[in-house]
Amino acid sequence: MQAQEIQALIENHIADSQAQVTIEGSHVHLVVVSPAFAGVSPVKKQQMVYALLTDQIASGVIHAVHMKTLTPEEFARQSS
């Protein structure tokens, strides 16, 4: 699976999201920013993203996912 495909999958299924995707072999590194994450626990945020990648993880195409899930406000604070 290509980085652009993962990015599109996330951005099409998590409201108003922006995803940065880097792939190293079968490891995927994600930064996902969305207002949909506001007030959501860190575990629930990750579950939202993992749910979109279930088939690729089950098939072994994706072996590991490392992610940061942030609201736009958290992203702005982290970037400054």
PDB file of N, CA and C in Angstrom:
ATOM      1  N   MET A   1       0.848  -1.173   0.000  1.00  0.00           N
ATOM      2  CA  MET A   1       0.000   0.000   0.000  1.00  0.00           C
ATOM      3  C   MET A   1       0.897   1.240   0.000  1.00  0.00           C
ATOM      4  N   GLN A   2       0.576   2.172  -0.841  1.00  0.00           N
ATOM      5  CA  GLN A   2       1.347   3.404  -0.986  1.00  0.00           C
ATOM      6  C   GLN A   2       0.953   4.433   0.073  1.00  0.00           C
ATOM      7  N   ALA A   3       1.876   5.322   0.384  1.00  0.00           N
ATOM      8  CA  ALA A   3       1.615   6.378   1.366  1.00  0.00           C
ATOM      9  C   ALA A   3       0.401   7.213   0.964  1.00  0.00           C
ATOM     10  N   GLN A   4       0.283   7.508  -0.334  1.00  0.00           N
ATOM     11  CA  GLN A   4      -0.837   8.324  -0.811  1.00  0.00           C
ATOM     12  C   GLN A   4      -2.172   7.611  -0.596  1.00  0.00           C
ATOM     13  N   GLU A   5      -2.185   6.295  -0.728  1.00  0.00           N
ATOM     14  CA  GLU A   5      -3.409   5.519  -0.513  1.00  0.00           C
ATOM     15  C   GLU A   5      -3.825   5.558   0.958  1.00  0.00           C
ATOM     16  N   ILE A   6      -2.866   5.431   1.846  1.00  0.00           N
ATOM     17  CA  ILE A   6      -3.157   5.491   3.280  1.00  0.00           C
ATOM     18  C   ILE A   6      -3.634   6.891   3.647  1.00  0.00           C
ATOM     19  N   GLN A   7      -2.970   7.896   3.116  1.00  0.00           N
ATOM     20  CA  GLN A   7      -3.367   9.280   3.382  1.00  0.00           C
ATOM     21  C   GLN A   7      -4.805   9.512   2.928  1.00  0.00           C
ATOM     22  N   ALA A   8      -5.138   9.091   1.725  1.00  0.00           N
ATOM     23  CA  ALA A   8      -6.497   9.274   1.206  1.00  0.00           C
ATOM     24  C   ALA A   8      -7.518   8.519   2.048  1.00  0.00           C
ATOM     25  N   LEU A   9      -7.183   7.309   2.449  1.00  0.00           N
ATOM     26  CA  LEU A   9      -8.083   6.500   3.273  1.00  0.00           C
ATOM     27  C   LEU A   9      -8.414   7.222   4.570  1.00  0.00           C
ATOM     28  N   ILE A  10      -7.398   7.733   5.233  1.00  0.00           N
ATOM     29  CA  ILE A  10      -7.604   8.439   6.502  1.00  0.00           C
ATOM     30  C   ILE A  10      -8.378   9.735   6.280  1.00  0.00           C
ATOM     31  N   GLU A  11      -7.943  10.517   5.313  1.00  0.00           N
ATOM     32  CA  GLU A  11      -8.560  11.827   5.099  1.00  0.00           C
ATOM     33  C   GLU A  11     -10.000  11.706   4.597  1.00  0.00           C
ATOM     34  N   ASN A  12     -10.350  10.594   3.958  1.00  0.00           N
ATOM     35  CA  ASN A  12     -11.726  10.389   3.488  1.00  0.00           C
ATOM     36  C   ASN A  12     -12.656   9.840   4.565  1.00  0.00           C
ATOM     37  N   HIS A  13     -12.085   9.324   5.664  1.00  0.00           N
ATOM     38  CA  HIS A  13     -12.920   8.690   6.682  1.00  0.00           C
ATOM     39  C   HIS A  13     -12.906   9.381   8.044  1.00  0.00           C
ATOM     40  N   ILE A  14     -11.946  10.232   8.298  1.00  0.00           N
ATOM     41  CA  ILE A  14     -11.919  10.986   9.558  1.00  0.00           C
ATOM     42  C   ILE A  14     -12.165  12.442   9.193  1.00  0.00           C
ATOM     43  N   ALA A  15     -13.221  13.006   9.737  1.00  0.00           N
ATOM     44  CA  ALA A  15     -13.695  14.340   9.348  1.00  0.00           C
ATOM     45  C   ALA A  15     -12.600  15.400   9.433  1.00  0.00           C
ATOM     46  N   ASP A  16     -12.479  16.177   8.364  1.00  0.00           N
ATOM     47  CA  ASP A  16     -11.574  17.327   8.291  1.00  0.00           C
ATOM     48  C   ASP A  16     -10.144  16.995   8.703  1.00  0.00           C
ATOM     49  N   SER A  17      -9.699  15.792   8.390  1.00  0.00           N
ATOM     50  CA  SER A  17      -8.358  15.376   8.824  1.00  0.00           C
ATOM     51  C   SER A  17      -7.310  15.680   7.767  1.00  0.00           C
ATOM     52  N   GLN A  18      -6.086  15.770   8.269  1.00  0.00           N
ATOM     53  CA  GLN A  18      -4.897  15.859   7.440  1.00  0.00           C
ATOM     54  C   GLN A  18      -3.943  14.797   7.961  1.00  0.00           C
ATOM     55  N   ALA A  19      -3.419  14.002   7.047  1.00  0.00           N
ATOM     56  CA  ALA A  19      -2.539  12.910   7.451  1.00  0.00           C
ATOM     57  C   ALA A  19      -1.190  13.042   6.765  1.00  0.00           C
ATOM     58  N   GLN A  20      -0.151  12.856   7.546  1.00  0.00           N
ATOM     59  CA  GLN A  20       1.208  12.760   7.012  1.00  0.00           C
ATOM     60  C   GLN A  20       1.610  11.298   7.155  1.00  0.00           C
ATOM     61  N   VAL A  21       2.022  10.691   6.060  1.00  0.00           N
ATOM     62  CA  VAL A  21       2.310   9.260   6.053  1.00  0.00           C
ATOM     63  C   VAL A  21       3.731   9.022   5.539  1.00  0.00           C
ATOM     64  N   THR A  22       4.474   8.230   6.287  1.00  0.00           N
ATOM     65  CA  THR A  22       5.797   7.789   5.868  1.00  0.00           C
ATOM     66  C   THR A  22       5.818   6.270   5.986  1.00  0.00           C
ATOM     67  N   ILE A  23       6.331   5.613   4.967  1.00  0.00           N
ATOM     68  CA  ILE A  23       6.406   4.156   4.987  1.00  0.00           C
ATOM     69  C   ILE A  23       7.869   3.737   4.921  1.00  0.00           C
ATOM     70  N   GLU A  24       8.237   2.842   5.828  1.00  0.00           N
ATOM     71  CA  GLU A  24       9.571   2.241   5.840  1.00  0.00           C
ATOM     72  C   GLU A  24       9.374   0.733   5.847  1.00  0.00           C
ATOM     73  N   GLY A  25       9.453   0.121   4.681  1.00  0.00           N
ATOM     74  CA  GLY A  25       9.187  -1.314   4.570  1.00  0.00           C
ATOM     75  C   GLY A  25       7.726  -1.586   4.874  1.00  0.00           C
ATOM     76  N   SER A  26       7.476  -2.390   5.909  1.00  0.00           N
ATOM     77  CA  SER A  26       6.098  -2.685   6.305  1.00  0.00           C
ATOM     78  C   SER A  26       5.677  -1.879   7.533  1.00  0.00           C
ATOM     79  N   HIS A  27       6.474  -0.870   7.881  1.00  0.00           N
ATOM     80  CA  HIS A  27       6.163  -0.006   9.022  1.00  0.00           C
ATOM     81  C   HIS A  27       5.617   1.320   8.507  1.00  0.00           C
ATOM     82  N   VAL A  28       4.512   1.753   9.102  1.00  0.00           N
ATOM     83  CA  VAL A  28       3.865   2.991   8.695  1.00  0.00           C
ATOM     84  C   VAL A  28       3.943   3.983   9.847  1.00  0.00           C
ATOM     85  N   HIS A  29       4.378   5.193   9.550  1.00  0.00           N
ATOM     86  CA  HIS A  29       4.453   6.269  10.528  1.00  0.00           C
ATOM     87  C   HIS A  29       3.418   7.322  10.133  1.00  0.00           C
ATOM     88  N   LEU A  30       2.550   7.674  11.066  1.00  0.00           N
ATOM     89  CA  LEU A  30       1.451   8.590  10.783  1.00  0.00           C
ATOM     90  C   LEU A  30       1.428   9.757  11.751  1.00  0.00           C
ATOM     91  N   VAL A  31       1.073  10.909  11.229  1.00  0.00           N
ATOM     92  CA  VAL A  31       0.657  12.044  12.039  1.00  0.00           C
ATOM     93  C   VAL A  31      -0.704  12.424  11.476  1.00  0.00           C
ATOM     94  N   VAL A  32      -1.734  12.299  12.298  1.00  0.00           N
ATOM     95  CA  VAL A  32      -3.089  12.592  11.860  1.00  0.00           C
ATOM     96  C   VAL A  32      -3.623  13.732  12.713  1.00  0.00           C
ATOM     97  N   VAL A  33      -4.076  14.781  12.039  1.00  0.00           N
ATOM     98  CA  VAL A  33      -4.601  15.969  12.714  1.00  0.00           C
ATOM     99  C   VAL A  33      -6.057  16.135  12.306  1.00  0.00           C
ATOM    100  N   SER A  34      -6.946  16.230  13.302  1.00  0.00           N
ATOM    101  CA  SER A  34      -8.363  16.399  12.998  1.00  0.00           C
ATOM    102  C   SER A  34      -9.097  17.001  14.190  1.00  0.00           C
ATOM    103  N   PRO A  35     -10.043  17.899  13.916  1.00  0.00           N
ATOM    104  CA  PRO A  35     -10.894  18.395  15.000  1.00  0.00           C
ATOM    105  C   PRO A  35     -11.793  17.290  15.549  1.00  0.00           C
ATOM    106  N   ALA A  36     -11.954  16.195  14.815  1.00  0.00           N
ATOM    107  CA  ALA A  36     -12.758  15.066  15.298  1.00  0.00           C
ATOM    108  C   ALA A  36     -12.139  14.420  16.537  1.00  0.00           C
ATOM    109  N   PHE A  37     -10.875  14.678  16.800  1.00  0.00           N
ATOM    110  CA  PHE A  37     -10.192  14.112  17.958  1.00  0.00           C
ATOM    111  C   PHE A  37     -10.437  14.904  19.246  1.00  0.00           C
ATOM    112  N   ALA A  38     -11.072  16.056  19.155  1.00  0.00           N
ATOM    113  CA  ALA A  38     -11.306  16.897  20.340  1.00  0.00           C
ATOM    114  C   ALA A  38     -12.153  16.142  21.361  1.00  0.00           C
ATOM    115  N   GLY A  39     -11.658  16.083  22.583  1.00  0.00           N
ATOM    116  CA  GLY A  39     -12.379  15.440  23.675  1.00  0.00           C
ATOM    117  C   GLY A  39     -12.369  13.920  23.630  1.00  0.00           C
ATOM    118  N   VAL A  40     -11.583  13.340  22.743  1.00  0.00           N
ATOM    119  CA  VAL A  40     -11.511  11.888  22.585  1.00  0.00           C
ATOM    120  C   VAL A  40     -10.236  11.386  23.251  1.00  0.00           C
ATOM    121  N   SER A  41     -10.335  10.276  23.950  1.00  0.00           N
ATOM    122  CA  SER A  41      -9.153   9.727  24.637  1.00  0.00           C
ATOM    123  C   SER A  41      -8.109   9.287  23.616  1.00  0.00           C
ATOM    124  N   PRO A  42      -6.836   9.275  24.029  1.00  0.00           N
ATOM    125  CA  PRO A  42      -5.778   8.827  23.119  1.00  0.00           C
ATOM    126  C   PRO A  42      -6.034   7.429  22.539  1.00  0.00           C
ATOM    127  N   VAL A  43      -6.550   6.524  23.342  1.00  0.00           N
ATOM    128  CA  VAL A  43      -6.817   5.166  22.866  1.00  0.00           C
ATOM    129  C   VAL A  43      -7.907   5.184  21.797  1.00  0.00           C
ATOM    130  N   LYS A  44      -8.962   5.934  22.012  1.00  0.00           N
ATOM    131  CA  LYS A  44     -10.054   6.020  21.030  1.00  0.00           C
ATOM    132  C   LYS A  44      -9.569   6.653  19.725  1.00  0.00           C
ATOM    133  N   LYS A  45      -8.693   7.651  19.809  1.00  0.00           N
ATOM    134  CA  LYS A  45      -8.131   8.260  18.602  1.00  0.00           C
ATOM    135  C   LYS A  45      -7.385   7.201  17.788  1.00  0.00           C
ATOM    136  N   GLN A  46      -6.545   6.424  18.460  1.00  0.00           N
ATOM    137  CA  GLN A  46      -5.789   5.381  17.770  1.00  0.00           C
ATOM    138  C   GLN A  46      -6.716   4.327  17.191  1.00  0.00           C
ATOM    139  N   GLN A  47      -7.771   3.980  17.918  1.00  0.00           N
ATOM    140  CA  GLN A  47      -8.718   2.989  17.428  1.00  0.00           C
ATOM    141  C   GLN A  47      -9.404   3.471  16.153  1.00  0.00           C
ATOM    142  N   MET A  48      -9.683   4.771  16.068  1.00  0.00           N
ATOM    143  CA  MET A  48     -10.300   5.334  14.868  1.00  0.00           C
ATOM    144  C   MET A  48      -9.397   5.113  13.652  1.00  0.00           C
ATOM    145  N   VAL A  49      -8.108   5.299  13.838  1.00  0.00           N
ATOM    146  CA  VAL A  49      -7.159   5.143  12.736  1.00  0.00           C
ATOM    147  C   VAL A  49      -6.932   3.659  12.439  1.00  0.00           C
ATOM    148  N   TYR A  50      -6.703   2.853  13.469  1.00  0.00           N
ATOM    149  CA  TYR A  50      -6.476   1.421  13.261  1.00  0.00           C
ATOM    150  C   TYR A  50      -7.645   0.765  12.535  1.00  0.00           C
ATOM    151  N   ALA A  51      -8.868   1.197  12.821  1.00  0.00           N
ATOM    152  CA  ALA A  51     -10.055   0.616  12.175  1.00  0.00           C
ATOM    153  C   ALA A  51      -9.983   0.739  10.655  1.00  0.00           C
ATOM    154  N   LEU A  52      -9.347   1.793  10.178  1.00  0.00           N
ATOM    155  CA  LEU A  52      -9.225   2.010   8.741  1.00  0.00           C
ATOM    156  C   LEU A  52      -8.155   1.125   8.106  1.00  0.00           C
ATOM    157  N   LEU A  53      -7.234   0.627   8.913  1.00  0.00           N
ATOM    158  CA  LEU A  53      -6.095  -0.140   8.404  1.00  0.00           C
ATOM    159  C   LEU A  53      -6.182  -1.631   8.724  1.00  0.00           C
ATOM    160  N   THR A  54      -7.320  -2.058   9.260  1.00  0.00           N
ATOM    161  CA  THR A  54      -7.477  -3.438   9.729  1.00  0.00           C
ATOM    162  C   THR A  54      -7.135  -4.473   8.662  1.00  0.00           C
ATOM    163  N   ASP A  55      -7.655  -4.294   7.449  1.00  0.00           N
ATOM    164  CA  ASP A  55      -7.417  -5.293   6.399  1.00  0.00           C
ATOM    165  C   ASP A  55      -5.941  -5.388   6.037  1.00  0.00           C
ATOM    166  N   GLN A  56      -5.264  -4.239   5.957  1.00  0.00           N
ATOM    167  CA  GLN A  56      -3.852  -4.233   5.587  1.00  0.00           C
ATOM    168  C   GLN A  56      -2.988  -4.824   6.698  1.00  0.00           C
ATOM    169  N   ILE A  57      -3.372  -4.601   7.951  1.00  0.00           N
ATOM    170  CA  ILE A  57      -2.633  -5.180   9.074  1.00  0.00           C
ATOM    171  C   ILE A  57      -2.853  -6.692   9.101  1.00  0.00           C
ATOM    172  N   ALA A  58      -4.105  -7.127   8.925  1.00  0.00           N
ATOM    173  CA  ALA A  58      -4.427  -8.555   8.958  1.00  0.00           C
ATOM    174  C   ALA A  58      -3.725  -9.316   7.834  1.00  0.00           C
ATOM    175  N   SER A  59      -3.586  -8.692   6.666  1.00  0.00           N
ATOM    176  CA  SER A  59      -2.951  -9.364   5.530  1.00  0.00           C
ATOM    177  C   SER A  59      -1.430  -9.369   5.627  1.00  0.00           C
ATOM    178  N   GLY A  60      -0.871  -8.547   6.541  1.00  0.00           N
ATOM    179  CA  GLY A  60       0.572  -8.470   6.693  1.00  0.00           C
ATOM    180  C   GLY A  60       1.226  -7.410   5.830  1.00  0.00           C
ATOM    181  N   VAL A  61       0.442  -6.700   5.009  1.00  0.00           N
ATOM    182  CA  VAL A  61       0.989  -5.610   4.198  1.00  0.00           C
ATOM    183  C   VAL A  61       1.576  -4.542   5.119  1.00  0.00           C
ATOM    184  N   ILE A  62       0.869  -4.286   6.206  1.00  0.00           N
ATOM    185  CA  ILE A  62       1.360  -3.368   7.242  1.00  0.00           C
ATOM    186  C   ILE A  62       1.687  -4.205   8.464  1.00  0.00           C
ATOM    187  N   HIS A  63       2.921  -4.120   8.907  1.00  0.00           N
ATOM    188  CA  HIS A  63       3.358  -4.891  10.071  1.00  0.00           C
ATOM    189  C   HIS A  63       3.221  -4.077  11.360  1.00  0.00           C
ATOM    190  N   ALA A  64       3.541  -2.793  11.285  1.00  0.00           N
ATOM    191  CA  ALA A  64       3.512  -1.955  12.483  1.00  0.00           C
ATOM    192  C   ALA A  64       3.072  -0.546  12.100  1.00  0.00           C
ATOM    193  N   VAL A  65       2.348   0.082  13.021  1.00  0.00           N
ATOM    194  CA  VAL A  65       1.899   1.453  12.822  1.00  0.00           C
ATOM    195  C   VAL A  65       2.352   2.274  14.023  1.00  0.00           C
ATOM    196  N   HIS A  66       3.017   3.363  13.735  1.00  0.00           N
ATOM    197  CA  HIS A  66       3.424   4.310  14.764  1.00  0.00           C
ATOM    198  C   HIS A  66       2.671   5.594  14.448  1.00  0.00           C
ATOM    199  N   MET A  67       1.938   6.125  15.428  1.00  0.00           N
ATOM    200  CA  MET A  67       1.120   7.289  15.094  1.00  0.00           C
ATOM    201  C   MET A  67       1.058   8.324  16.197  1.00  0.00           C
ATOM    202  N   LYS A  68       0.848   9.543  15.738  1.00  0.00           N
ATOM    203  CA  LYS A  68       0.481  10.660  16.595  1.00  0.00           C
ATOM    204  C   LYS A  68      -0.875  11.117  16.101  1.00  0.00           C
ATOM    205  N   THR A  69      -1.804  11.280  17.017  1.00  0.00           N
ATOM    206  CA  THR A  69      -3.140  11.760  16.678  1.00  0.00           C
ATOM    207  C   THR A  69      -3.375  13.044  17.465  1.00  0.00           C
ATOM    208  N   LEU A  70      -3.606  14.120  16.743  1.00  0.00           N
ATOM    209  CA  LEU A  70      -3.669  15.436  17.374  1.00  0.00           C
ATOM    210  C   LEU A  70      -4.865  16.230  16.878  1.00  0.00           C
ATOM    211  N   THR A  71      -5.372  17.112  17.752  1.00  0.00           N
ATOM    212  CA  THR A  71      -6.327  18.108  17.298  1.00  0.00           C
ATOM    213  C   THR A  71      -5.529  19.219  16.624  1.00  0.00           C
ATOM    214  N   PRO A  72      -6.174  20.085  15.844  1.00  0.00           N
ATOM    215  CA  PRO A  72      -5.431  21.196  15.236  1.00  0.00           C
ATOM    216  C   PRO A  72      -4.737  22.077  16.283  1.00  0.00           C
ATOM    217  N   GLU A  73      -5.362  22.255  17.432  1.00  0.00           N
ATOM    218  CA  GLU A  73      -4.756  23.071  18.493  1.00  0.00           C
ATOM    219  C   GLU A  73      -3.508  22.403  19.057  1.00  0.00           C
ATOM    220  N   GLU A  74      -3.573  21.096  19.263  1.00  0.00           N
ATOM    221  CA  GLU A  74      -2.399  20.368  19.762  1.00  0.00           C
ATOM    222  C   GLU A  74      -1.271  20.402  18.738  1.00  0.00           C
ATOM    223  N   PHE A  75      -1.625  20.277  17.471  1.00  0.00           N
ATOM    224  CA  PHE A  75      -0.630  20.327  16.410  1.00  0.00           C
ATOM    225  C   PHE A  75       0.042  21.692  16.352  1.00  0.00           C
ATOM    226  N   ALA A  76      -0.750  22.761  16.497  1.00  0.00           N
ATOM    227  CA  ALA A  76      -0.199  24.126  16.465  1.00  0.00           C
ATOM    228  C   ALA A  76       0.759  24.330  17.632  1.00  0.00           C
ATOM    229  N   ARG A  77       0.403  23.834  18.813  1.00  0.00           N
ATOM    230  CA  ARG A  77       1.284  23.974  19.987  1.00  0.00           C
ATOM    231  C   ARG A  77       2.570  23.197  19.784  1.00  0.00           C
ATOM    232  N   GLN A  78       2.473  22.015  19.212  1.00  0.00           N
ATOM    233  CA  GLN A  78       3.633  21.158  19.000  1.00  0.00           C
ATOM    234  C   GLN A  78       4.553  21.763  17.933  1.00  0.00           C
ATOM    235  N   SER A  79       3.989  22.427  16.958  1.00  0.00           N
ATOM    236  CA  SER A  79       4.759  22.971  15.844  1.00  0.00           C
ATOM    237  C   SER A  79       5.465  24.286  16.174  1.00  0.00           C
ATOM    238  N   SER A  80       5.010  24.946  17.245  1.00  0.00           N
ATOM    239  CA  SER A  80       5.620  26.254  17.564  1.00  0.00           C
ATOM    240  C   SER A  80       6.739  26.151  18.540  1.00  0.00           C
TER     241      SER A  80
END
